Protein backbone atom coordinates (compact mmCIF):
# COMPACT_ATOMS: atom_id res chain seq x y z
CA MET A 1 -5.15 18.68 15.94
CA PHE A 2 -6.72 20.74 18.90
CA THR A 3 -5.72 23.85 16.94
CA THR A 4 -7.44 22.43 14.02
CA LEU A 5 -10.66 21.42 15.92
CA VAL A 6 -11.04 25.17 17.15
CA GLN A 7 -10.35 26.42 13.57
CA ILE A 8 -12.94 24.16 11.92
CA ALA A 9 -15.51 24.63 14.80
CA PRO A 10 -17.73 26.81 12.54
CA ARG A 11 -17.97 24.00 9.91
CA LEU A 12 -17.89 21.01 12.33
CA VAL A 13 -21.59 20.08 11.73
CA SER A 14 -21.00 19.83 7.98
CA LEU A 15 -17.75 18.08 8.43
CA VAL A 16 -19.14 15.25 10.73
CA GLY A 17 -20.91 13.78 7.65
CA LYS A 18 -17.57 13.82 5.80
CA MET A 19 -15.55 11.79 8.19
CA ARG A 20 -16.35 8.26 6.77
CA PRO A 21 -13.43 6.93 5.03
CA THR A 22 -13.36 4.62 1.91
CA TRP A 23 -11.21 1.93 3.75
CA HIS A 24 -10.14 1.40 7.39
CA LEU A 25 -7.04 -0.66 7.21
CA PRO A 26 -4.97 -1.98 10.04
CA ALA A 27 -1.55 -0.60 9.21
CA LEU A 28 0.39 0.73 6.36
CA ALA A 29 1.56 -2.84 5.44
CA ALA A 30 -1.98 -3.46 4.25
CA VAL A 31 -1.68 -0.69 1.65
CA THR A 32 0.26 -2.69 -1.11
CA PRO A 33 0.59 -1.91 -4.77
CA GLU A 34 -1.67 -4.96 -5.24
CA PHE A 35 -4.43 -3.48 -3.08
CA LEU A 36 -4.16 -0.22 -4.81
CA ARG A 37 -4.13 -1.65 -8.52
CA ALA A 38 -7.25 -3.85 -7.52
CA HIS A 39 -8.99 -0.66 -6.82
CA GLY A 40 -7.93 1.54 -9.56
CA VAL A 41 -5.72 3.81 -7.36
CA ARG A 42 -2.89 5.39 -9.21
CA GLY A 43 -1.87 8.30 -7.08
CA LEU A 44 -1.55 8.84 -3.36
CA ILE A 45 -1.74 12.12 -1.21
CA TRP A 46 0.16 11.48 1.97
CA ASP A 47 -0.18 12.69 5.50
CA VAL A 48 3.10 12.17 7.30
CA ASP A 49 2.86 12.68 11.13
CA GLY A 50 1.03 9.66 12.54
CA VAL A 51 1.29 7.69 9.15
CA LEU A 52 4.99 7.55 8.33
CA THR A 53 6.62 9.17 11.36
CA GLY A 54 5.88 10.18 14.86
CA ASP A 55 4.86 13.56 15.78
CA ARG A 56 7.17 15.93 13.87
CA LEU A 57 10.04 13.51 14.05
CA PRO A 58 12.70 13.45 11.26
CA GLU A 59 12.76 9.88 10.44
CA LEU A 60 10.43 7.11 9.35
CA ARG A 61 9.10 4.61 11.82
CA PRO A 62 10.40 1.08 11.35
CA GLU A 63 6.96 -0.29 10.88
CA SER A 64 6.36 2.27 8.19
CA ALA A 65 9.78 2.38 6.30
CA GLY A 66 9.35 -0.94 4.45
CA PRO A 67 5.76 -0.73 3.14
CA PHE A 68 6.24 2.89 2.22
CA ARG A 69 9.43 2.16 0.19
CA ALA A 70 7.52 -0.49 -1.55
CA LEU A 71 4.96 1.69 -2.67
CA LEU A 72 7.49 4.30 -3.91
CA GLY A 73 9.18 1.41 -5.86
CA ALA A 74 5.91 0.66 -7.68
CA LYS A 75 6.46 2.42 -11.05
CA ASP A 76 2.76 2.75 -11.78
CA LEU A 77 2.18 4.80 -8.67
CA ARG A 78 2.56 8.57 -7.99
CA HIS A 79 2.92 10.32 -4.75
CA VAL A 80 2.68 13.63 -3.10
CA VAL A 81 2.79 14.92 0.28
CA LEU A 82 0.22 17.35 1.55
CA SER A 83 1.47 19.61 4.54
CA ASN A 84 -0.03 22.29 6.50
CA ALA A 85 2.69 22.08 9.25
CA SER A 86 4.92 24.76 10.45
CA GLU A 87 7.56 26.26 8.07
CA ASP A 88 10.29 24.35 9.97
CA ARG A 89 8.52 21.00 9.50
CA TYR A 90 7.65 21.82 5.95
CA ARG A 91 11.36 22.10 5.08
CA GLN A 92 12.20 19.05 7.23
CA LEU A 93 9.70 17.02 5.08
CA GLY A 94 11.48 18.19 2.03
CA GLU A 95 14.73 16.68 3.51
CA LEU A 96 12.97 13.50 4.44
CA PHE A 97 11.32 12.96 1.26
CA PRO A 98 13.42 14.70 -1.44
CA GLU A 99 11.93 12.63 -4.25
CA LEU A 100 8.38 13.58 -3.49
CA PRO A 101 6.65 17.04 -4.23
CA ILE A 102 5.89 18.68 -0.71
CA LEU A 103 2.61 20.80 -1.32
CA ARG A 104 1.14 23.47 0.70
CA GLY A 105 -1.46 26.13 0.13
CA TYR A 106 -1.94 29.69 1.53
CA ALA A 107 -5.07 31.90 1.50
CA PHE A 108 -4.87 35.72 0.71
CA ARG A 109 -7.89 37.91 0.12
CA GLY A 110 -10.10 35.22 -1.05
CA ALA A 111 -7.58 33.54 -3.44
CA VAL A 112 -5.34 30.53 -3.11
CA GLN A 113 -1.64 30.54 -3.57
CA HIS A 114 0.34 27.36 -4.04
CA ARG A 115 3.71 26.35 -3.08
CA LYS A 116 5.91 23.28 -3.89
CA LEU A 117 9.19 21.97 -2.48
CA HIS A 118 10.70 19.19 -4.55
CA ARG A 119 14.34 17.76 -4.91
CA GLY A 120 15.43 20.88 -2.83
CA VAL A 121 13.87 23.32 -5.02
CA ASP A 122 11.27 25.62 -3.56
CA SER A 123 8.81 27.23 -5.92
CA TRP A 124 8.77 30.31 -3.41
CA SER A 125 12.05 32.00 -2.90
CA ALA A 126 12.94 32.99 0.79
CA GLU A 127 12.35 36.74 -0.25
CA GLU A 128 8.93 35.80 -1.86
CA LEU A 129 7.75 33.99 1.30
CA ALA A 130 8.85 36.82 3.54
CA ALA A 131 7.12 39.25 1.45
CA ARG A 132 3.87 37.28 1.28
CA LEU A 133 3.84 36.68 4.97
CA VAL A 134 4.03 40.35 5.30
CA GLU A 135 1.11 40.76 3.18
CA GLY A 136 -0.89 38.53 5.32
CA VAL A 137 -1.02 35.19 3.57
CA HIS A 138 -1.73 32.23 5.80
CA VAL A 139 -1.33 28.54 5.62
CA ILE A 140 -4.48 26.52 4.67
CA ARG A 141 -5.15 23.91 7.15
CA LYS A 142 -6.80 20.51 6.46
CA PRO A 143 -9.50 19.78 5.73
CA SER A 144 -9.47 21.54 2.41
CA ALA A 145 -10.97 20.88 -0.98
CA GLU A 146 -8.52 23.24 -2.39
CA LEU A 147 -5.54 21.50 -1.00
CA VAL A 148 -6.85 18.09 -2.33
CA GLU A 149 -7.40 19.55 -5.67
CA TYR A 150 -3.90 21.05 -6.03
CA ALA A 151 -2.44 17.68 -4.96
CA VAL A 152 -4.71 15.92 -7.73
CA ARG A 153 -3.35 18.09 -10.40
CA GLU A 154 0.28 17.69 -9.20
CA LEU A 155 -0.29 13.78 -9.60
CA GLY A 156 -1.67 14.22 -12.99
CA TRP A 157 -4.34 11.58 -12.48
CA GLN A 158 -8.28 11.87 -12.33
CA LYS A 159 -9.91 12.22 -8.87
CA ALA A 160 -11.15 8.70 -9.08
CA GLU A 161 -7.64 7.28 -9.39
CA VAL A 162 -6.45 9.16 -6.23
CA ALA A 163 -6.62 8.35 -2.49
CA MET A 164 -5.53 10.22 0.56
CA VAL A 165 -3.56 8.26 3.16
CA GLY A 166 -4.02 9.49 6.70
CA ASP A 167 -4.84 8.89 10.28
CA GLN A 168 -7.19 11.56 11.24
CA TYR A 169 -11.02 11.66 10.36
CA LEU A 170 -11.42 15.44 10.63
CA THR A 171 -8.35 16.43 8.55
CA ASP A 172 -7.29 13.64 6.33
CA VAL A 173 -10.60 11.92 5.77
CA ALA A 174 -12.99 14.86 5.56
CA GLY A 175 -10.42 16.68 3.25
CA ALA A 176 -10.38 13.64 1.06
CA ASN A 177 -14.23 13.73 0.90
CA LEU A 178 -14.41 17.33 0.38
CA GLY A 179 -11.95 17.08 -2.64
CA GLY A 180 -13.76 14.32 -4.17
CA VAL A 181 -11.03 11.45 -3.88
CA ARG A 182 -11.08 8.28 -1.79
CA SER A 183 -9.25 7.79 1.61
CA ILE A 184 -7.31 5.17 3.49
CA LYS A 185 -7.74 5.66 7.31
CA LEU A 186 -4.84 4.08 9.33
CA PRO A 187 -4.37 3.89 13.22
CA THR A 188 -2.11 6.70 14.35
CA LEU A 189 1.39 5.51 14.41
CA ALA A 190 3.51 6.12 17.49
CA PRO A 191 0.55 7.96 19.45
CA GLY A 192 2.76 8.25 22.57
CA THR A 193 5.04 10.81 20.61
CA PHE A 194 2.17 13.27 20.04
CA ARG A 195 1.49 16.42 22.11
CA ARG A 196 -1.07 16.21 24.66
CA SER A 197 -3.36 18.78 22.79
CA VAL A 198 -3.04 16.53 19.71
CA ARG A 199 -4.10 13.49 21.47
CA LEU A 200 -6.97 15.13 23.11
CA GLY A 201 -8.01 16.27 19.60
CA GLN A 202 -7.79 12.55 18.32
CA VAL A 203 -9.82 11.27 21.32
CA VAL A 204 -12.58 13.97 20.56
CA GLU A 205 -12.71 12.97 16.91
CA ILE A 206 -12.83 9.13 17.43
CA PHE A 207 -15.64 9.84 19.93
CA VAL A 208 -17.56 11.96 17.40
CA TYR A 209 -16.97 9.43 14.54
CA ALA A 210 -18.16 6.50 16.67
CA LEU A 211 -21.14 8.41 17.74
CA VAL A 212 -22.20 9.41 14.05
CA HIS A 213 -20.82 6.51 11.98
CA GLY A 214 -20.40 3.67 14.36
CA GLY A 215 -17.14 1.72 15.27
CA ALA A 216 -14.11 1.85 12.94
CA ARG A 217 -14.33 -1.01 10.40
CA GLU A 218 -13.42 -1.44 6.78
CA HIS A 219 -15.74 0.22 4.35
CA GLY A 220 -16.04 -0.64 0.60
CA ALA A 221 -15.67 1.92 -2.07
């Protein structure tokens, strides 16, 4: 998170206005199929660390597992995971969520390249990944309209039918707003598992949000 703050510093002023979520909800348990249907949401873009797991951990938290599996079991909902994590974490997410497309984007010479890991199949071979890294591609970090638009295309719904689920204002919520979808802001899960630099970034963004938008409360669509 601290690294993200450094990277987005040139855009920080414009992003501050994009930090307001559609909904603040108290826990993932509040994100039910009934809630989503009532608001016309048919597709979810998931952040993982802080929403479903602790920081870079390989298992779901007990408080997230049940609600998450209930959402996966809803036949009218589609899901993708959007990742800008390390390569090791990206592959770990593919093992943790084999049934879901794990998406990421890369920037190279002004163009965006897409990659998907789903059911053990990577759209980039190891040789292709190595060659592209040598060429100078780099992972696109959230917030990014391009990443959200890629996720929306993968879901196959209209933007009005998609919501981003995340725990960070400057990455998840701002990214959703940049990409034209709604957002569900949850409290960070297992905050004690996060690195000190990440916790520092979280404190900064909460302070900025409170200063500009007021305290966290549920907002209507």
